[in-house]
């Protein structure tokens, strides 16, 4: 897993996995977590609701891909999604009482910490699986700002 993120959690090409639908959904995930991190207390509940709706659609989309294609690591991947959603729903309940802004902010920080590792390991495997099933090969991902090692003689 990656180190604790800065408060300005933003999309970077390092998150690209080479499966367009997944990359677009992940970009939205990052944008919504960033909005949670930056939200004033009065907007936290609304922004968490928007994020929760996104996360449910996002995880349902990935579940559908895994189930319909026989992805080997489906159960492990779905378990991780379920744990994230359980935390989101728990914090939504706490916020409904009008308090617990600190808990919501802690959740947003944890989502920003969790996402890069989840994407690098679990989602990258799924992206490769999906591309391989469609095209017979794995995705080629070009990331801006990535250094290409120089060849040595």
Protein backbone atom coordinates (compact mmCIF):
# COMPACT_ATOMS: atom_id res chain seq x y z
CA UNK A 1 0.00 0.00 0.00
CA UNK A 2 1.10 3.54 -0.57
CA UNK A 3 2.08 6.11 2.00
CA UNK A 4 -0.43 8.48 3.55
CA UNK A 5 -1.59 10.83 0.80
CA UNK A 6 -1.34 14.57 0.78
CA UNK A 7 -4.60 16.49 1.28
CA UNK A 8 -4.54 17.25 -2.46
CA UNK A 9 -5.28 13.69 -3.60
CA UNK A 10 -5.62 14.05 -7.36
CA UNK A 11 -5.76 11.93 -10.48
CA UNK A 12 -2.42 11.02 -11.99
CA UNK A 13 -1.52 8.93 -15.01
CA UNK A 14 0.13 6.54 -12.58
CA UNK A 15 -3.39 5.29 -11.85
CA UNK A 16 -4.02 4.32 -15.50
CA UNK A 17 -4.55 0.59 -16.03
CA UNK A 18 -5.25 0.42 -19.75
CA UNK A 19 -8.92 -0.54 -19.63
CA UNK A 20 -10.80 2.62 -20.60
CA UNK A 21 -14.05 2.02 -18.73
CA UNK A 22 -12.17 1.19 -15.54
CA UNK A 23 -9.81 4.14 -15.91
CA UNK A 24 -12.77 6.53 -16.32
CA UNK A 25 -14.50 5.12 -13.25
CA UNK A 26 -11.28 5.33 -11.25
CA UNK A 27 -10.80 8.95 -12.24
CA UNK A 28 -14.30 9.71 -10.92
CA UNK A 29 -13.45 7.82 -7.69
CA UNK A 30 -10.33 9.96 -7.19
CA UNK A 31 -12.23 13.18 -7.93
CA UNK A 32 -14.97 12.30 -5.42
CA UNK A 33 -12.49 11.37 -2.68
CA UNK A 34 -10.66 14.66 -3.34
CA UNK A 35 -13.99 16.49 -2.98
CA UNK A 36 -14.56 14.76 0.36
CA UNK A 37 -11.09 15.72 1.55
CA UNK A 38 -11.70 19.37 0.65
CA UNK A 39 -15.33 19.63 1.80
CA UNK A 40 -16.38 22.02 4.55
CA UNK A 41 -18.21 20.29 7.41
CA UNK A 42 -21.61 21.46 6.16
CA UNK A 43 -21.11 19.60 2.84
CA UNK A 44 -19.60 16.36 4.13
CA UNK A 45 -22.84 14.37 4.34
CA UNK A 46 -23.91 15.34 0.81
CA UNK A 47 -20.49 14.62 -0.66
CA UNK A 48 -20.31 11.29 1.16
CA UNK A 49 -23.73 10.39 -0.27
CA UNK A 50 -22.47 11.18 -3.78
CA UNK A 51 -19.34 9.12 -3.17
CA UNK A 52 -21.36 6.19 -1.77
CA UNK A 53 -23.59 6.16 -4.87
CA UNK A 54 -20.49 6.17 -7.06
CA UNK A 55 -18.78 3.41 -5.06
CA UNK A 56 -21.84 1.15 -5.30
CA UNK A 57 -22.05 1.61 -9.09
CA UNK A 58 -18.26 1.30 -9.45
CA UNK A 59 -18.05 -1.92 -7.46
CA UNK A 60 -21.17 -3.36 -9.14
CA UNK A 61 -19.60 -2.70 -12.55
CA UNK A 62 -16.40 -4.50 -11.57
CA UNK A 63 -18.41 -7.36 -10.01
CA UNK A 64 -20.31 -7.77 -13.28
CA UNK A 65 -17.05 -7.93 -15.26
CA UNK A 66 -15.57 -10.48 -12.85
CA UNK A 67 -18.62 -12.73 -12.70
CA UNK A 68 -19.40 -12.71 -16.42
CA UNK A 69 -15.80 -13.43 -17.43
CA UNK A 70 -14.89 -15.95 -14.72
CA UNK A 71 -12.15 -13.77 -13.22
CA UNK A 72 -10.10 -16.06 -10.92
CA UNK A 73 -9.71 -13.61 -7.98
CA UNK A 74 -13.37 -12.54 -7.88
CA UNK A 75 -14.09 -13.53 -4.28
CA UNK A 76 -11.07 -11.73 -2.81
CA UNK A 77 -11.75 -8.61 -4.86
CA UNK A 78 -15.44 -8.54 -3.92
CA UNK A 79 -14.58 -9.01 -0.23
CA UNK A 80 -12.39 -5.91 -0.34
CA UNK A 81 -15.13 -3.88 -2.01
CA UNK A 82 -17.66 -5.07 0.58
CA UNK A 83 -15.42 -3.91 3.42
CA UNK A 84 -15.00 -0.48 1.85
CA UNK A 85 -18.76 -0.13 1.34
CA UNK A 86 -19.45 -1.25 4.91
CA UNK A 87 -17.16 1.51 6.20
CA UNK A 88 -18.79 4.09 3.92
CA UNK A 89 -22.29 3.11 5.07
CA UNK A 90 -21.24 3.14 8.72
CA UNK A 91 -19.86 6.67 8.41
CA UNK A 92 -22.96 7.79 6.49
CA UNK A 93 -25.03 6.64 9.47
CA UNK A 94 -22.84 8.55 11.89
CA UNK A 95 -23.05 11.71 9.80
CA UNK A 96 -26.84 11.45 9.60
CA UNK A 97 -26.83 12.42 13.27
CA UNK A 98 -25.16 15.71 12.35
CA UNK A 99 -21.81 14.90 13.95
CA UNK A 100 -18.68 12.90 13.24
CA UNK A 101 -17.09 15.18 10.64
CA UNK A 102 -13.69 14.00 11.88
CA UNK A 103 -14.70 10.38 11.26
CA UNK A 104 -15.78 11.25 7.72
CA UNK A 105 -12.51 13.03 7.07
CA UNK A 106 -10.61 10.01 8.41
CA UNK A 107 -12.57 7.79 6.02
CA UNK A 108 -11.69 10.07 3.09
CA UNK A 109 -8.00 9.95 4.05
CA UNK A 110 -8.17 6.16 4.30
CA UNK A 111 -9.88 5.88 0.89
CA UNK A 112 -7.09 8.00 -0.61
CA UNK A 113 -4.49 5.76 1.05
CA UNK A 114 -6.28 2.53 0.04
CA UNK A 115 -7.00 3.31 -3.60
CA UNK A 116 -3.47 3.28 -5.12
CA UNK A 117 -2.66 -0.15 -3.70
CA UNK A 118 -6.03 -1.59 -4.62
CA UNK A 119 -5.71 -0.26 -8.16
CA UNK A 120 -2.10 -1.45 -8.53
CA UNK A 121 -2.81 -5.00 -7.43
CA UNK A 122 -6.43 -5.99 -7.66
CA UNK A 123 -7.75 -3.70 -10.38
CA UNK A 124 -4.64 -4.00 -12.56
CA UNK A 125 -5.16 -7.78 -12.61
CA UNK A 126 -8.79 -7.32 -13.59
CA UNK A 127 -7.90 -4.78 -16.29
CA UNK A 128 -5.34 -7.16 -17.77
CA UNK A 129 -7.86 -10.01 -17.63
CA UNK A 130 -10.51 -7.93 -19.39
CA UNK A 131 -8.17 -6.69 -22.13
CA UNK A 132 -6.73 -10.16 -22.68
CA UNK A 133 -10.22 -11.62 -23.07
CA UNK A 134 -11.15 -8.94 -25.62
CA UNK A 135 -7.94 -8.64 -27.61
CA UNK A 136 -5.74 -11.59 -26.72
CA UNK A 137 -3.02 -9.44 -25.14
CA UNK A 138 -2.46 -7.31 -22.09
CA UNK A 139 -2.92 -3.52 -22.11
CA UNK A 140 -0.11 -1.18 -23.00
CA UNK A 141 -0.29 1.87 -20.76
CA UNK A 142 1.52 5.07 -21.62
CA UNK A 143 1.86 7.35 -18.63
CA UNK A 144 2.90 10.97 -18.98
CA UNK A 145 5.97 11.82 -16.98
CA UNK A 146 7.13 8.21 -16.69
CA UNK A 147 10.80 7.79 -17.26
CA UNK A 148 11.95 5.22 -19.76
CA UNK A 149 15.19 3.56 -18.71
CA UNK A 150 18.08 4.27 -21.04
CA UNK A 151 19.69 1.30 -22.72
CA UNK A 152 23.25 0.59 -21.75
CA UNK A 153 25.92 -0.80 -24.05
